[in-house]
Amino acid sequence: MAEERIGKYALGAALGTGGSGAVHRGIDTVLGRPVALKLLHPQLVHDAAVLARFRAEAEAMARLNHPNVVTVHDFAGAGKRWAIVMELVEGGETLASVLAREGRLAPERAARLLADVARGLGHAHARGIVHRDVKPANVLVVRDGHRERAKVTDFGIARLVDKQRMTADRTTLGTLYYMAPEQAGDSAVDARADLYSFGVTAYEVLTGSVPFRYESAPRLLRAHLEETPAPPSAMATGIPPTLDRLVSSLLAKRPEDRPPSADAVADALEALGATGTPSGELAYAPTVAAPSGAPPRPSAPSEPGLGAAPRQSSQSLPATRSSSAEGLASPRPSNEQAAQDRASRGPSQGRMSQGRMSQGGTSQGGPAPDDGQTTLWIAIGAVVLFGVVLFGSILGACFVCHG
């Protein structure tokens, strides 16, 4: 069988598929180096607008040179076969695969990987590129020496392809779980939409579940527009308050209420991952109070085309300890503890208490009664009770005398 080629690139085995096409292993036959070839789906090649955007995205991505972004080398093709040529990340797996296997990540590890993702997004945003499809499936986790590193990938043509598909069947290939309110509402979209999607990703990394898991695509879109999710700490134990507030601020409905930039978020996460600061102020201190409402959490979606919902994991993490990050490396819940946590929360049949939480995590309901006032009212009550008893005794004696 003849070897299939796209220009100077020999096409190898498929590595994965997506909404706009498939990714294959390949070889640059001139330089002899391995590459990854992202092929545009044959059905989309006939759409001139899609093909033009595919090329434009490749050209834009080729301007990015950052350790936390997958590098684009070339754009090649002819006729019905067109491909974006990217670096081949050997030994990597998607963050979605990591979460499917491990459930959720320890906060210290999560902070380090999420900081990488935010730093990659910040690099793209500074060059006018908005990802629009930030989710665990579009993050590669690789071993870099003695540490893990995350790389953002698949900027691709999500913005155009997803828009067309959403108009047709209200789905975006599983992306709806991570979509910013302004995307759901068809408002103007900028880099702050990526921050919201990044916040949903962070929420899932820390808790094992996305904030909203409705079966209906319109219901899911409405949740992004209107509903306030429970803070991550309400869904999983061991999450430091600072990290809890940061994720909640990323999920703000209004773009202007989110952190100022992906780099600011990366600064905060890097400080958290390096020092393990459990509650101190970071380089970016979110000003949005952590929400306390939680939407209903039904079972995984079954609508055709919506795709499987990101799982709500019951897997807990083993107890670990870090001398450099005590706040982050608190003991992880055991399976029995996790079950007790879920039992104590009970089934999510509606919203949790609507009382807002301050940044410090205390309820902002009515003020607690003053201790002095409480003592005074107790004393008055005792005097009144004594008077009633005394009066009753005198009255009883009078009845006896008259009897």
Protein backbone atom coordinates (compact mmCIF):
# COMPACT_ATOMS: atom_id res chain seq x y z
CA MET A 1 0.00 0.00 0.00
CA ALA A 2 1.42 3.38 -1.02
CA GLU A 3 2.38 5.79 1.75
CA GLU A 4 -0.02 8.72 1.92
CA ARG A 5 1.57 12.15 1.90
CA ILE A 6 0.46 15.72 2.36
CA GLY A 7 3.17 17.76 0.75
CA LYS A 8 6.48 16.70 2.29
CA TYR A 9 4.75 15.03 5.26
CA ALA A 10 4.15 11.28 5.42
CA LEU A 11 0.88 10.46 7.13
CA GLY A 12 1.00 7.94 9.97
CA ALA A 13 -1.39 6.51 12.55
CA ALA A 14 -4.31 8.48 13.91
CA LEU A 15 -3.77 9.97 17.38
CA GLY A 16 -7.26 11.32 17.97
CA THR A 17 -10.31 12.96 16.43
CA GLY A 18 -12.11 16.23 16.99
CA GLY A 19 -14.94 18.32 15.64
CA SER A 20 -12.95 19.76 12.74
CA GLY A 21 -10.98 16.64 11.83
CA ALA A 22 -8.39 14.16 13.04
CA VAL A 23 -4.83 14.36 14.34
CA HIS A 24 -2.26 11.93 12.91
CA ARG A 25 1.32 11.13 13.62
CA GLY A 26 3.53 12.14 10.70
CA ILE A 27 7.09 12.51 9.49
CA ASP A 28 8.71 15.51 7.87
CA THR A 29 10.45 13.63 5.05
CA VAL A 30 12.87 16.50 4.40
CA LEU A 31 14.07 17.11 7.95
CA GLY A 32 13.33 13.62 9.21
CA ARG A 33 11.55 14.79 12.37
CA PRO A 34 8.28 13.48 13.76
CA VAL A 35 5.31 15.84 13.68
CA ALA A 36 1.61 15.87 14.42
CA LEU A 37 -0.75 16.58 11.51
CA LYS A 38 -4.14 18.06 12.26
CA LEU A 39 -6.25 17.27 9.20
CA LEU A 40 -9.29 19.31 8.29
CA HIS A 41 -12.34 17.09 7.90
CA PRO A 42 -13.02 16.39 4.19
CA GLN A 43 -16.61 17.60 4.55
CA LEU A 44 -15.34 21.01 5.72
CA VAL A 45 -12.77 21.47 2.97
CA HIS A 46 -15.51 22.50 0.51
CA ASP A 47 -16.48 25.43 2.75
CA ALA A 48 -14.25 28.26 1.60
CA ALA A 49 -14.80 30.23 4.82
CA VAL A 50 -13.80 27.27 6.99
CA LEU A 51 -10.71 26.53 4.90
CA ALA A 52 -9.66 30.19 5.00
CA ARG A 53 -10.10 30.29 8.78
CA PHE A 54 -8.17 27.02 9.11
CA ARG A 55 -5.24 28.59 7.31
CA ALA A 56 -5.55 31.88 9.20
CA GLU A 57 -5.49 30.07 12.54
CA ALA A 58 -2.39 28.14 11.47
CA GLU A 59 -0.66 31.39 10.57
CA ALA A 60 -1.67 32.98 13.87
CA MET A 61 -0.56 29.96 15.90
CA ALA A 62 2.78 29.91 14.08
CA ARG A 63 3.51 33.26 15.74
CA LEU A 64 3.28 31.68 19.19
CA ASN A 65 6.46 30.39 20.74
CA HIS A 66 5.92 29.37 24.35
CA PRO A 67 6.66 26.26 26.43
CA ASN A 68 2.99 26.04 27.45
CA VAL A 69 1.59 26.16 23.90
CA VAL A 70 1.94 23.40 21.31
CA THR A 71 4.12 24.79 18.50
CA VAL A 72 2.81 25.03 14.92
CA HIS A 73 5.47 24.42 12.26
CA ASP A 74 3.68 24.57 8.92
CA PHE A 75 0.47 24.54 6.89
CA ALA A 76 0.33 22.05 4.04
CA GLY A 77 -2.08 20.44 1.63
CA ALA A 78 -3.88 20.43 -1.68
CA GLY A 79 -7.30 19.44 -2.97
CA LYS A 80 -9.23 17.69 -0.20
CA ARG A 81 -6.28 17.15 2.19
CA TRP A 82 -5.17 20.10 4.30
CA ALA A 83 -3.26 19.97 7.57
CA ILE A 84 -1.81 22.12 10.31
CA VAL A 85 1.64 20.71 11.10
CA MET A 86 2.43 20.83 14.82
CA GLU A 87 5.07 19.57 17.22
CA LEU A 88 4.52 15.97 18.25
CA VAL A 89 4.29 15.83 22.05
CA GLU A 90 5.73 12.42 22.87
CA GLY A 91 4.51 10.68 25.99
CA GLY A 92 1.79 13.22 26.65
CA GLU A 93 -1.87 12.71 27.43
CA THR A 94 -4.76 15.10 27.65
CA LEU A 95 -5.78 16.56 30.97
CA ALA A 96 -9.18 14.98 30.30
CA SER A 97 -7.51 11.54 30.28
CA VAL A 98 -5.70 12.32 33.54
CA LEU A 99 -8.98 13.32 35.20
CA ALA A 100 -10.78 10.26 33.84
CA ARG A 101 -8.15 8.09 35.51
CA GLU A 102 -7.56 10.01 38.75
CA GLY A 103 -10.88 11.75 39.39
CA ARG A 104 -9.49 15.03 40.68
CA LEU A 105 -6.05 16.40 41.43
CA ALA A 106 -4.47 17.45 44.70
CA PRO A 107 -4.66 21.28 44.99
CA GLU A 108 -0.87 21.80 44.89
CA ARG A 109 -0.49 19.73 41.71
CA ALA A 110 -3.60 21.32 40.22
CA ALA A 111 -2.25 24.81 40.86
CA ARG A 112 1.00 24.04 39.04
CA LEU A 113 -0.67 22.55 35.95
CA LEU A 114 -3.35 25.24 35.82
CA ALA A 115 -0.66 27.93 36.10
CA ASP A 116 0.93 26.45 32.96
CA VAL A 117 -2.37 26.62 31.10
CA ALA A 118 -2.99 30.21 32.19
CA ARG A 119 0.53 31.21 31.16
CA GLY A 120 0.03 29.69 27.71
CA LEU A 121 -3.29 31.49 27.31
CA GLY A 122 -1.69 34.75 28.44
CA HIS A 123 0.95 34.40 25.73
CA ALA A 124 -1.75 33.89 23.08
CA HIS A 125 -3.95 36.72 24.39
CA ALA A 126 -1.01 39.15 24.27
CA ARG A 127 -0.82 38.43 20.54
CA GLY A 128 -4.52 38.87 19.89
CA ILE A 129 -5.45 35.18 19.79
CA VAL A 130 -8.48 33.91 21.71
CA HIS A 131 -8.75 30.14 22.10
CA ARG A 132 -12.55 29.92 22.59
CA ASP A 133 -12.45 26.22 23.41
CA VAL A 134 -10.46 25.90 26.63
CA LYS A 135 -11.20 22.54 28.27
CA PRO A 136 -9.27 19.54 29.63
CA ALA A 137 -9.40 17.78 26.26
CA ASN A 138 -7.40 20.65 24.76
CA VAL A 139 -4.62 20.56 27.35
CA LEU A 140 -1.72 18.13 27.05
CA VAL A 141 0.12 16.99 30.19
CA VAL A 142 3.71 15.93 29.63
CA ARG A 143 6.65 14.98 31.83
CA ASP A 144 9.38 17.61 31.61
CA GLY A 145 12.35 16.39 33.60
CA HIS A 146 11.26 16.03 37.22
CA ARG A 147 7.97 17.88 36.84
CA GLU A 148 4.78 17.82 34.84
CA ARG A 149 4.08 20.53 32.32
CA ALA A 150 0.81 21.48 30.63
CA LYS A 151 0.56 22.66 27.03
CA VAL A 152 -2.47 24.30 25.44
CA THR A 153 -3.39 22.86 22.07
CA ASP A 154 -6.13 22.78 19.43
CA PHE A 155 -6.79 26.50 18.98
CA GLY A 156 -7.74 25.33 15.49
CA ILE A 157 -11.00 26.62 14.01
CA ALA A 158 -13.25 26.03 17.00
CA ARG A 159 -14.78 29.50 16.81
CA LEU A 160 -16.14 29.04 13.29
CA VAL A 161 -16.96 25.33 13.24
CA ASP A 162 -18.64 25.39 16.65
CA LYS A 163 -20.70 28.43 15.70
CA GLN A 164 -22.08 26.65 12.65
CA ARG A 165 -22.80 23.44 14.54
CA MET A 166 -24.45 25.27 17.41
CA THR A 167 -26.82 26.99 14.99
CA ALA A 168 -27.72 23.61 13.56
CA ASP A 169 -28.19 21.44 16.65
CA ARG A 170 -27.38 23.54 19.73
CA THR A 171 -24.33 21.49 20.53
CA THR A 172 -20.66 22.28 20.31
CA LEU A 173 -19.06 18.86 20.58
CA GLY A 174 -19.02 18.77 24.34
CA THR A 175 -17.79 22.35 24.63
CA LEU A 176 -21.03 23.65 26.14
CA TYR A 177 -19.94 22.54 29.59
CA TYR A 178 -17.11 25.08 29.44
CA MET A 179 -18.75 27.90 27.49
CA ALA A 180 -18.68 31.46 28.83
CA PRO A 181 -22.02 33.24 29.35
CA GLU A 182 -21.20 35.78 26.65
CA GLN A 183 -20.60 32.93 24.19
CA ALA A 184 -23.90 31.34 25.14
CA GLY A 185 -25.62 34.70 24.77
CA ASP A 186 -23.93 35.42 21.43
CA SER A 187 -22.32 38.56 22.84
CA ALA A 188 -18.96 39.96 21.83
CA VAL A 189 -16.21 37.58 22.91
CA ASP A 190 -12.67 38.45 23.95
CA ALA A 191 -9.91 36.91 26.05
CA ARG A 192 -12.10 37.05 29.16
CA ALA A 193 -14.26 34.27 27.69
CA ASP A 194 -11.17 32.05 27.84
CA LEU A 195 -10.84 32.93 31.54
CA TYR A 196 -14.35 31.64 32.25
CA SER A 197 -13.71 28.40 30.35
CA PHE A 198 -10.41 28.11 32.19
CA GLY A 199 -12.35 28.57 35.46
CA VAL A 200 -14.67 25.69 34.56
CA THR A 201 -11.61 23.58 33.77
CA ALA A 202 -10.03 24.52 37.12
CA TYR A 203 -13.30 23.67 38.89
CA GLU A 204 -13.30 20.22 37.30
CA VAL A 205 -9.63 19.62 38.07
CA LEU A 206 -10.21 20.42 41.75
CA THR A 207 -13.59 18.73 42.30
CA GLY A 208 -13.86 16.03 39.63
CA SER A 209 -16.95 17.61 38.11
CA VAL A 210 -17.92 20.60 35.99
CA PRO A 211 -20.19 23.17 37.69
CA PHE A 212 -23.26 22.44 35.54
CA ARG A 213 -24.24 19.00 34.19
CA TYR A 214 -27.71 19.41 32.74
CA GLU A 215 -29.08 17.02 30.13
CA SER A 216 -30.52 19.70 27.87
CA ALA A 217 -28.25 21.96 25.83
CA PRO A 218 -30.58 25.00 26.18
CA ARG A 219 -30.80 24.34 29.94
CA LEU A 220 -27.02 24.17 30.14
CA LEU A 221 -26.67 27.46 28.26
CA ARG A 222 -29.19 29.08 30.61
CA ALA A 223 -27.22 27.84 33.61
CA HIS A 224 -24.08 29.57 32.34
CA LEU A 225 -26.09 32.76 31.88
CA GLU A 226 -28.10 32.74 35.11
CA GLU A 227 -27.04 30.21 37.75
CA THR A 228 -24.32 30.55 40.36
CA PRO A 229 -22.39 27.34 41.03
CA ALA A 230 -21.38 26.17 44.46
CA PRO A 231 -17.78 27.06 45.31
CA PRO A 232 -15.29 24.24 44.73
CA SER A 233 -14.81 23.82 48.50
CA ALA A 234 -18.48 22.84 48.79
CA MET A 235 -17.89 19.96 46.37
CA ALA A 236 -14.50 18.65 47.56
CA THR A 237 -12.40 18.83 50.70
CA GLY A 238 -8.89 20.21 51.12
CA ILE A 239 -9.18 23.22 48.76
CA PRO A 240 -7.44 26.31 50.21
CA PRO A 241 -9.68 29.40 50.61
CA THR A 242 -7.53 31.52 48.29
CA LEU A 243 -7.76 28.97 45.48
CA ASP A 244 -11.48 28.58 46.16
CA ARG A 245 -12.06 32.32 45.75
CA LEU A 246 -9.87 32.55 42.67
CA VAL A 247 -11.85 29.85 40.83
CA SER A 248 -15.15 31.44 41.86
CA SER A 249 -13.98 34.81 40.51
CA LEU A 250 -13.12 33.20 37.18
CA LEU A 251 -16.73 31.98 36.95
CA ALA A 252 -18.21 35.48 37.30
CA LYS A 253 -21.07 36.01 34.87
CA ARG A 254 -19.89 39.46 33.78
CA PRO A 255 -16.52 39.51 32.01
CA GLU A 256 -15.49 42.67 33.86
CA ASP A 257 -15.85 40.85 37.20
CA ARG A 258 -13.26 38.22 36.27
CA PRO A 259 -9.52 38.54 36.91
CA PRO A 260 -7.82 41.15 34.71
CA SER A 261 -5.76 38.72 32.63
CA ALA A 262 -4.60 35.14 32.24
CA ASP A 263 -1.12 36.22 33.33
CA ALA A 264 -2.53 37.60 36.59
CA VAL A 265 -4.20 34.24 37.20
CA ALA A 266 -0.94 32.45 36.38
CA ASP A 267 0.93 34.63 38.88
CA ALA A 268 -1.56 33.73 41.60
CA LEU A 269 -1.49 30.02 40.81
CA GLU A 270 2.30 29.91 40.61
CA ALA A 271 2.53 31.54 44.03
CA LEU A 272 0.02 29.06 45.39
CA GLY A 273 1.73 26.06 43.84
CA ALA A 274 5.19 27.16 44.98
CA THR A 275 4.45 28.32 48.52
CA GLY A 276 1.27 26.48 49.37
CA THR A 277 -0.20 29.68 50.80
CA PRO A 278 -3.55 28.48 52.17
CA SER A 279 -5.25 31.79 52.86
CA GLY A 280 -2.85 34.72 52.35
CA GLU A 281 -3.15 37.32 49.64
CA LEU A 282 -1.63 36.45 46.26
CA ALA A 283 -0.37 38.55 43.38
CA TYR A 284 -3.98 38.68 42.21
CA ALA A 285 -6.50 38.94 45.02
CA PRO A 286 -10.01 38.25 43.68
CA THR A 287 -12.60 40.75 44.80
CA VAL A 288 -15.65 38.71 43.84
CA ALA A 289 -17.27 36.94 46.78
CA ALA A 290 -17.37 33.18 46.50
CA PRO A 291 -20.91 32.15 45.46
CA SER A 292 -22.89 29.71 47.53
CA GLY A 293 -25.77 28.68 45.27
CA ALA A 294 -25.63 25.25 43.63
CA PRO A 295 -27.74 24.18 40.66
CA PRO A 296 -29.42 20.80 40.40
CA ARG A 297 -26.89 18.18 39.29
CA PRO A 298 -28.66 15.56 37.16
CA SER A 299 -27.10 12.49 35.63
CA ALA A 300 -24.87 12.60 32.57
CA PRO A 301 -26.47 14.03 29.42
CA SER A 302 -28.09 11.67 26.99
CA GLU A 303 -28.97 14.13 24.21
CA PRO A 304 -27.62 13.08 20.82
CA GLY A 305 -24.62 15.15 19.86
CA LEU A 306 -24.06 16.70 23.28
CA GLY A 307 -21.56 14.02 24.19
CA ALA A 308 -20.83 12.44 27.52
CA ALA A 309 -20.77 14.87 30.39
CA PRO A 310 -17.50 15.24 32.24
CA ARG A 311 -17.85 12.78 35.09
CA GLN A 312 -18.64 13.66 38.64
CA SER A 313 -15.93 11.62 40.29
CA SER A 314 -16.27 9.81 43.58
CA GLN A 315 -12.60 8.90 43.57
CA SER A 316 -10.71 10.43 46.44
CA LEU A 317 -7.05 11.23 46.71
CA PRO A 318 -4.56 9.50 49.03
CA ALA A 319 -3.38 11.35 52.09
CA THR A 320 -0.16 13.24 51.35
CA ARG A 321 1.98 15.77 53.14
CA SER A 322 4.27 18.51 51.89
CA SER A 323 6.68 20.33 54.14
CA SER A 324 6.65 23.36 51.83
CA ALA A 325 2.88 23.65 51.36
CA GLU A 326 0.98 22.59 54.45
CA GLY A 327 -2.13 24.49 53.44
CA LEU A 328 -2.27 22.74 50.07
CA ALA A 329 -1.09 19.32 51.15
CA SER A 330 -3.69 18.69 53.79
CA PRO A 331 -4.70 15.02 53.99
CA ARG A 332 -6.89 13.96 51.09
CA PRO A 333 -10.25 12.36 51.88
CA SER A 334 -10.41 8.57 51.94
CA ASN A 335 -13.17 6.74 50.06
CA GLU A 336 -15.13 6.44 53.31
CA GLN A 337 -14.66 10.14 54.08
CA ALA A 338 -15.65 11.10 50.54
CA ALA A 339 -18.83 9.06 50.91
CA GLN A 340 -19.56 10.76 54.22
CA ASP A 341 -18.98 14.17 52.58
CA ARG A 342 -21.46 13.35 49.84
CA ALA A 343 -23.97 11.97 52.34
CA SER A 344 -23.70 15.11 54.47
CA ARG A 345 -24.38 17.29 51.42
CA GLY A 346 -27.36 15.15 50.48
CA PRO A 347 -28.87 14.90 47.00
CA SER A 348 -28.77 18.16 45.07
CA GLN A 349 -32.45 18.60 44.43
CA GLY A 350 -32.22 22.35 44.06
CA ARG A 351 -30.13 25.30 45.06
CA MET A 352 -28.17 25.42 48.24
CA SER A 353 -28.80 28.24 50.68
CA GLN A 354 -28.98 31.52 48.84
CA GLY A 355 -27.12 33.42 51.55
CA ARG A 356 -24.01 34.94 49.98
CA MET A 357 -20.59 34.18 51.37
CA SER A 358 -17.97 36.81 51.99
CA GLN A 359 -14.39 36.35 50.88
CA GLY A 360 -13.54 35.09 54.30
CA GLY A 361 -16.18 32.39 53.91
CA THR A 362 -18.56 33.58 56.62
CA SER A 363 -22.28 34.00 56.13
CA GLN A 364 -23.53 37.49 55.40
CA GLY A 365 -26.92 36.95 56.96
CA GLY A 366 -28.27 38.85 59.98
CA PRO A 367 -25.79 39.89 62.71
CA ALA A 368 -25.24 37.57 65.64
CA PRO A 369 -27.03 38.73 68.84
CA ASP A 370 -24.89 40.68 71.27
CA ASP A 371 -23.84 38.62 74.34
CA GLY A 372 -24.72 41.44 76.78
CA GLN A 373 -28.21 41.83 75.35
CA THR A 374 -28.77 38.09 75.52
CA THR A 375 -27.81 38.00 79.22
CA LEU A 376 -30.14 40.92 79.99
CA TRP A 377 -33.13 39.25 78.34
CA ILE A 378 -32.43 36.00 80.18
CA ALA A 379 -32.41 37.90 83.51
CA ILE A 380 -35.68 39.68 82.69
CA GLY A 381 -37.28 36.40 81.73
CA ALA A 382 -36.18 34.82 85.01
CA VAL A 383 -37.68 37.69 87.07
CA VAL A 384 -40.97 37.46 85.19
CA LEU A 385 -41.09 33.70 85.67
CA PHE A 386 -40.36 34.08 89.39
CA GLY A 387 -43.15 36.66 89.74
CA VAL A 388 -45.63 34.36 88.01
CA VAL A 389 -44.72 31.47 90.31
CA LEU A 390 -44.92 33.67 93.46
CA PHE A 391 -48.27 35.10 92.43
CA GLY A 392 -49.60 31.61 91.81
CA SER A 393 -48.46 30.48 95.27
CA ILE A 394 -50.17 33.43 97.05
CA LEU A 395 -53.36 32.92 95.08
CA GLY A 396 -53.37 29.22 95.99
CA ALA A 397 -52.93 30.05 99.68
CA CYS A 398 -55.87 32.43 99.54
CA PHE A 399 -58.06 29.70 98.11
CA VAL A 400 -57.02 27.39 100.95
CA CYS A 401 -57.80 30.01 103.62
CA HIS A 402 -61.25 30.76 102.18
CA GLY A 403 -61.89 27.07 101.87
